Amino acid sequence: MSIFKILFGVLIFIAFGVIEANAIDQSICSPGEKVVLYPNGSLKSCALKDDLRLDEIKCKSQNSISFYNNGQLETCVLAESAKVSGQECREAGLTSFYPDGKFKSCVKKD
């Protein structure tokens, strides 16, 4: 019986290690604003309730944010100036990323 429990536990850990988890959900969105979800229930876009820090950037509240189906950030408006992949990006400017998370573009800092 205990070997069964151990094997079952290992299978559970393997299954959870393989399943993709989207950490961002609609709790980051402003109440009463339009929220768009993918068919799998993950967040596609909304207006942010509060500033949101994601790695080296901070996305600005009350502005649109969007994600790819894999949970990676697609676009947001910066709450503060940031250096992203060597590029100086301006506060309040739109920044975007590719589906693999690599930097795509931003409004360049003067």
N, C-alpha and C. Protein backbone atom coordinates (compact mmCIF):
# COMPACT_ATOMS: atom_id res chain seq x y z
N MET A 1 0.82 -1.20 0.00
CA MET A 1 0.00 0.00 0.00
C MET A 1 0.86 1.26 0.00
N SER A 2 1.93 1.30 0.78
CA SER A 2 2.75 2.50 0.84
C SER A 2 3.50 2.74 -0.47
N ILE A 3 3.88 1.69 -1.20
CA ILE A 3 4.52 1.87 -2.50
C ILE A 3 3.54 2.53 -3.46
N PHE A 4 2.28 2.14 -3.41
CA PHE A 4 1.25 2.75 -4.25
C PHE A 4 1.14 4.24 -3.95
N LYS A 5 1.14 4.60 -2.68
CA LYS A 5 1.04 6.01 -2.30
C LYS A 5 2.25 6.80 -2.80
N ILE A 6 3.42 6.20 -2.70
CA ILE A 6 4.63 6.88 -3.17
C ILE A 6 4.57 7.08 -4.68
N LEU A 7 4.21 6.03 -5.41
CA LEU A 7 4.11 6.14 -6.87
C LEU A 7 3.04 7.16 -7.27
N PHE A 8 1.92 7.13 -6.58
CA PHE A 8 0.85 8.09 -6.86
C PHE A 8 1.33 9.51 -6.62
N GLY A 9 2.03 9.72 -5.52
CA GLY A 9 2.56 11.05 -5.20
C GLY A 9 3.55 11.52 -6.24
N VAL A 10 4.42 10.63 -6.70
CA VAL A 10 5.40 10.98 -7.74
C VAL A 10 4.68 11.36 -9.03
N LEU A 11 3.64 10.60 -9.39
CA LEU A 11 2.88 10.91 -10.60
C LEU A 11 2.20 12.27 -10.50
N ILE A 12 1.70 12.60 -9.33
CA ILE A 12 1.08 13.92 -9.12
C ILE A 12 2.11 15.03 -9.32
N PHE A 13 3.31 14.87 -8.74
CA PHE A 13 4.35 15.88 -8.92
C PHE A 13 4.76 16.01 -10.38
N ILE A 14 4.87 14.91 -11.08
CA ILE A 14 5.21 14.94 -12.50
C ILE A 14 4.13 15.67 -13.28
N ALA A 15 2.87 15.35 -13.01
CA ALA A 15 1.76 15.98 -13.73
C ALA A 15 1.75 17.48 -13.50
N PHE A 16 1.95 17.93 -12.26
CA PHE A 16 1.93 19.36 -12.00
C PHE A 16 3.17 20.05 -12.55
N GLY A 17 4.26 19.34 -12.70
CA GLY A 17 5.46 19.91 -13.29
C GLY A 17 5.31 20.12 -14.78
N VAL A 18 4.45 19.34 -15.43
CA VAL A 18 4.28 19.42 -16.88
C VAL A 18 3.17 20.39 -17.27
N ILE A 19 2.15 20.52 -16.45
CA ILE A 19 1.02 21.39 -16.76
C ILE A 19 1.44 22.85 -16.68
N GLU A 20 1.12 23.61 -17.71
CA GLU A 20 1.45 25.03 -17.73
C GLU A 20 0.49 25.78 -16.82
N ALA A 21 1.05 26.64 -15.98
CA ALA A 21 0.21 27.43 -15.08
C ALA A 21 0.34 28.90 -15.44
N ASN A 22 -0.78 29.56 -15.60
CA ASN A 22 -0.77 31.00 -15.86
C ASN A 22 -0.96 31.71 -14.54
N ALA A 23 0.10 32.40 -14.10
CA ALA A 23 0.08 33.03 -12.78
C ALA A 23 -0.77 34.29 -12.76
N ILE A 24 -0.98 34.90 -13.91
CA ILE A 24 -1.74 36.15 -13.97
C ILE A 24 -3.22 35.84 -14.18
N ASP A 25 -4.06 36.36 -13.31
CA ASP A 25 -5.50 36.16 -13.49
C ASP A 25 -6.20 37.52 -13.43
N GLN A 26 -7.50 37.50 -13.57
CA GLN A 26 -8.25 38.75 -13.68
C GLN A 26 -8.34 39.56 -12.39
N SER A 27 -7.76 39.09 -11.30
CA SER A 27 -7.76 39.88 -10.06
C SER A 27 -6.91 41.15 -10.20
N ILE A 28 -6.05 41.22 -11.23
CA ILE A 28 -5.24 42.43 -11.45
C ILE A 28 -6.02 43.52 -12.18
N CYS A 29 -7.21 43.20 -12.65
CA CYS A 29 -7.99 44.11 -13.50
C CYS A 29 -8.85 45.07 -12.67
N SER A 30 -9.09 46.25 -13.24
CA SER A 30 -9.97 47.24 -12.60
C SER A 30 -11.40 46.73 -12.58
N PRO A 31 -12.06 46.79 -11.44
CA PRO A 31 -13.46 46.35 -11.36
C PRO A 31 -14.34 47.18 -12.30
N GLY A 32 -15.25 46.55 -12.97
CA GLY A 32 -16.18 47.22 -13.86
C GLY A 32 -15.65 47.48 -15.26
N GLU A 33 -14.38 47.23 -15.48
CA GLU A 33 -13.79 47.42 -16.81
C GLU A 33 -13.89 46.12 -17.60
N LYS A 34 -13.77 46.23 -18.91
CA LYS A 34 -13.85 45.06 -19.78
C LYS A 34 -12.66 44.14 -19.55
N VAL A 35 -12.95 42.85 -19.36
CA VAL A 35 -11.92 41.83 -19.20
C VAL A 35 -12.09 40.83 -20.34
N VAL A 36 -11.01 40.54 -21.06
CA VAL A 36 -11.05 39.58 -22.16
C VAL A 36 -10.23 38.36 -21.75
N LEU A 37 -10.85 37.18 -21.88
CA LEU A 37 -10.20 35.92 -21.53
C LEU A 37 -10.02 35.05 -22.76
N TYR A 38 -9.00 34.21 -22.72
CA TYR A 38 -8.83 33.19 -23.76
C TYR A 38 -9.82 32.06 -23.46
N PRO A 39 -10.13 31.20 -24.44
CA PRO A 39 -11.05 30.08 -24.20
C PRO A 39 -10.66 29.18 -23.02
N ASN A 40 -9.36 29.11 -22.71
CA ASN A 40 -8.93 28.29 -21.57
C ASN A 40 -9.08 29.00 -20.23
N GLY A 41 -9.60 30.25 -20.25
CA GLY A 41 -9.85 30.99 -19.02
C GLY A 41 -8.72 31.90 -18.60
N SER A 42 -7.57 31.85 -19.28
CA SER A 42 -6.47 32.73 -18.91
C SER A 42 -6.73 34.15 -19.44
N LEU A 43 -6.13 35.11 -18.77
CA LEU A 43 -6.35 36.52 -19.07
C LEU A 43 -5.70 36.91 -20.39
N LYS A 44 -6.47 37.56 -21.26
CA LYS A 44 -5.94 38.10 -22.52
C LYS A 44 -5.66 39.59 -22.38
N SER A 45 -6.64 40.36 -21.86
CA SER A 45 -6.42 41.80 -21.70
C SER A 45 -7.42 42.41 -20.73
N CYS A 46 -7.03 43.56 -20.19
CA CYS A 46 -7.91 44.34 -19.31
C CYS A 46 -7.20 45.65 -18.98
N ALA A 47 -7.87 46.50 -18.20
CA ALA A 47 -7.25 47.70 -17.65
C ALA A 47 -6.77 47.35 -16.24
N LEU A 48 -5.54 47.69 -15.93
CA LEU A 48 -4.96 47.34 -14.63
C LEU A 48 -5.60 48.13 -13.49
N LYS A 49 -5.85 47.42 -12.39
CA LYS A 49 -6.38 48.04 -11.18
C LYS A 49 -5.27 48.83 -10.48
N ASP A 50 -4.11 48.24 -10.35
CA ASP A 50 -2.95 48.85 -9.68
C ASP A 50 -1.72 48.68 -10.58
N ASP A 51 -0.66 49.43 -10.28
CA ASP A 51 0.59 49.19 -10.99
C ASP A 51 0.98 47.72 -10.78
N LEU A 52 1.61 47.14 -11.78
CA LEU A 52 1.98 45.73 -11.72
C LEU A 52 3.42 45.57 -12.16
N ARG A 53 4.27 45.03 -11.27
CA ARG A 53 5.66 44.79 -11.61
C ARG A 53 5.80 43.39 -12.17
N LEU A 54 6.39 43.31 -13.36
CA LEU A 54 6.68 42.04 -14.02
C LEU A 54 8.15 42.07 -14.44
N ASP A 55 8.96 41.32 -13.75
CA ASP A 55 10.40 41.31 -13.99
C ASP A 55 10.97 42.72 -13.89
N GLU A 56 11.60 43.21 -14.95
CA GLU A 56 12.28 44.50 -14.87
C GLU A 56 11.40 45.69 -15.22
N ILE A 57 10.13 45.46 -15.50
CA ILE A 57 9.25 46.57 -15.85
C ILE A 57 8.07 46.68 -14.87
N LYS A 58 7.53 47.89 -14.82
CA LYS A 58 6.35 48.15 -13.99
C LYS A 58 5.28 48.72 -14.91
N CYS A 59 4.16 47.99 -15.01
CA CYS A 59 3.05 48.41 -15.87
C CYS A 59 2.14 49.35 -15.09
N LYS A 60 1.63 50.36 -15.79
CA LYS A 60 0.87 51.46 -15.16
C LYS A 60 -0.61 51.12 -14.97
N SER A 61 -1.10 51.43 -13.78
CA SER A 61 -2.51 51.22 -13.45
C SER A 61 -3.41 52.05 -14.36
N GLN A 62 -4.65 51.62 -14.49
CA GLN A 62 -5.69 52.29 -15.28
C GLN A 62 -5.37 52.33 -16.77
N ASN A 63 -4.41 51.51 -17.21
CA ASN A 63 -4.06 51.39 -18.62
C ASN A 63 -4.19 49.94 -19.03
N SER A 64 -4.31 49.73 -20.32
CA SER A 64 -4.49 48.39 -20.85
C SER A 64 -3.22 47.55 -20.72
N ILE A 65 -3.42 46.27 -20.43
CA ILE A 65 -2.34 45.28 -20.40
C ILE A 65 -2.85 44.07 -21.17
N SER A 66 -1.97 43.41 -21.91
CA SER A 66 -2.40 42.22 -22.64
C SER A 66 -1.34 41.14 -22.54
N PHE A 67 -1.82 39.90 -22.62
CA PHE A 67 -0.97 38.72 -22.49
C PHE A 67 -1.21 37.78 -23.66
N TYR A 68 -0.19 37.00 -23.98
CA TYR A 68 -0.34 35.93 -24.95
C TYR A 68 -1.02 34.75 -24.26
N ASN A 69 -1.50 33.82 -25.06
CA ASN A 69 -2.19 32.63 -24.53
C ASN A 69 -1.29 31.81 -23.60
N ASN A 70 0.02 31.92 -23.76
CA ASN A 70 0.94 31.17 -22.90
C ASN A 70 1.24 31.88 -21.58
N GLY A 71 0.59 33.04 -21.35
CA GLY A 71 0.76 33.77 -20.11
C GLY A 71 1.84 34.84 -20.15
N GLN A 72 2.60 34.92 -21.23
CA GLN A 72 3.65 35.93 -21.37
C GLN A 72 3.02 37.29 -21.65
N LEU A 73 3.64 38.33 -21.10
CA LEU A 73 3.20 39.70 -21.33
C LEU A 73 3.33 40.03 -22.81
N GLU A 74 2.28 40.64 -23.39
CA GLU A 74 2.32 41.10 -24.77
C GLU A 74 2.59 42.61 -24.81
N THR A 75 1.73 43.40 -24.16
CA THR A 75 1.91 44.85 -24.14
C THR A 75 1.44 45.44 -22.81
N CYS A 76 2.03 46.57 -22.47
CA CYS A 76 1.54 47.39 -21.36
C CYS A 76 2.15 48.77 -21.46
N VAL A 77 1.58 49.71 -20.72
CA VAL A 77 2.09 51.07 -20.61
C VAL A 77 2.97 51.12 -19.37
N LEU A 78 4.18 51.64 -19.52
CA LEU A 78 5.12 51.66 -18.40
C LEU A 78 4.74 52.70 -17.34
N ALA A 79 4.82 52.29 -16.08
CA ALA A 79 4.55 53.20 -14.97
C ALA A 79 5.78 54.03 -14.64
N GLU A 80 6.95 53.57 -15.07
CA GLU A 80 8.21 54.27 -14.84
C GLU A 80 9.17 53.92 -15.96
N SER A 81 10.14 54.78 -16.17
CA SER A 81 11.16 54.50 -17.19
C SER A 81 11.85 53.18 -16.83
N ALA A 82 12.27 52.46 -17.87
CA ALA A 82 12.93 51.18 -17.64
C ALA A 82 13.93 50.90 -18.74
N LYS A 83 14.95 50.15 -18.39
CA LYS A 83 15.91 49.67 -19.39
C LYS A 83 15.55 48.22 -19.65
N VAL A 84 15.12 47.93 -20.88
CA VAL A 84 14.68 46.59 -21.25
C VAL A 84 15.56 46.10 -22.40
N SER A 85 16.28 45.03 -22.17
CA SER A 85 17.19 44.46 -23.18
C SER A 85 18.12 45.52 -23.76
N GLY A 86 18.62 46.38 -22.90
CA GLY A 86 19.56 47.41 -23.32
C GLY A 86 18.91 48.67 -23.89
N GLN A 87 17.62 48.67 -24.07
CA GLN A 87 16.89 49.82 -24.64
C GLN A 87 16.29 50.65 -23.51
N GLU A 88 16.54 51.95 -23.52
CA GLU A 88 15.94 52.86 -22.53
C GLU A 88 14.51 53.19 -22.98
N CYS A 89 13.53 52.77 -22.18
CA CYS A 89 12.11 52.96 -22.51
C CYS A 89 11.50 54.03 -21.63
N ARG A 90 10.65 54.85 -22.24
CA ARG A 90 10.07 56.02 -21.57
C ARG A 90 8.86 55.65 -20.71
N GLU A 91 8.77 56.32 -19.57
CA GLU A 91 7.60 56.22 -18.69
C GLU A 91 6.37 56.64 -19.48
N ALA A 92 5.25 55.96 -19.25
CA ALA A 92 3.95 56.23 -19.89
C ALA A 92 3.94 55.84 -21.36
N GLY A 93 4.97 55.16 -21.81
CA GLY A 93 5.01 54.69 -23.19
C GLY A 93 4.65 53.22 -23.29
N LEU A 94 4.12 52.84 -24.42
CA LEU A 94 3.74 51.44 -24.66
C LEU A 94 4.99 50.60 -24.89
N THR A 95 5.04 49.44 -24.27
CA THR A 95 6.12 48.49 -24.51
C THR A 95 5.51 47.16 -24.90
N SER A 96 6.22 46.40 -25.73
CA SER A 96 5.67 45.12 -26.19
C SER A 96 6.75 44.05 -26.26
N PHE A 97 6.27 42.81 -26.20
CA PHE A 97 7.14 41.64 -26.16
C PHE A 97 6.62 40.58 -27.13
N TYR A 98 7.52 39.70 -27.54
CA TYR A 98 7.16 38.55 -28.37
C TYR A 98 6.59 37.46 -27.49
N PRO A 99 5.91 36.46 -28.07
CA PRO A 99 5.31 35.37 -27.28
C PRO A 99 6.30 34.60 -26.41
N ASP A 100 7.58 34.59 -26.80
CA ASP A 100 8.58 33.87 -25.99
C ASP A 100 9.13 34.73 -24.86
N GLY A 101 8.60 35.96 -24.71
CA GLY A 101 9.01 36.84 -23.62
C GLY A 101 10.12 37.81 -23.98
N LYS A 102 10.68 37.69 -25.17
CA LYS A 102 11.75 38.59 -25.58
C LYS A 102 11.19 39.96 -25.93
N PHE A 103 11.98 40.99 -25.63
CA PHE A 103 11.62 42.38 -25.90
C PHE A 103 11.35 42.60 -27.39
N LYS A 104 10.29 43.35 -27.69
CA LYS A 104 9.92 43.67 -29.07
C LYS A 104 10.14 45.17 -29.36
N SER A 105 9.47 46.04 -28.59
CA SER A 105 9.59 47.48 -28.85
C SER A 105 9.09 48.28 -27.64
N CYS A 106 9.42 49.57 -27.68
CA CYS A 106 8.91 50.51 -26.67
C CYS A 106 9.05 51.92 -27.21
N VAL A 107 8.48 52.87 -26.49
CA VAL A 107 8.67 54.27 -26.81
C VAL A 107 10.02 54.65 -26.18
N LYS A 108 10.96 55.04 -27.03
CA LYS A 108 12.31 55.32 -26.56
C LYS A 108 12.38 56.58 -25.71
N LYS A 109 13.21 56.49 -24.68
CA LYS A 109 13.44 57.62 -23.80
C LYS A 109 14.27 58.67 -24.53
N ASP A 110 13.93 59.95 -24.36
CA ASP A 110 14.66 61.04 -25.03
C ASP A 110 16.08 61.13 -24.54
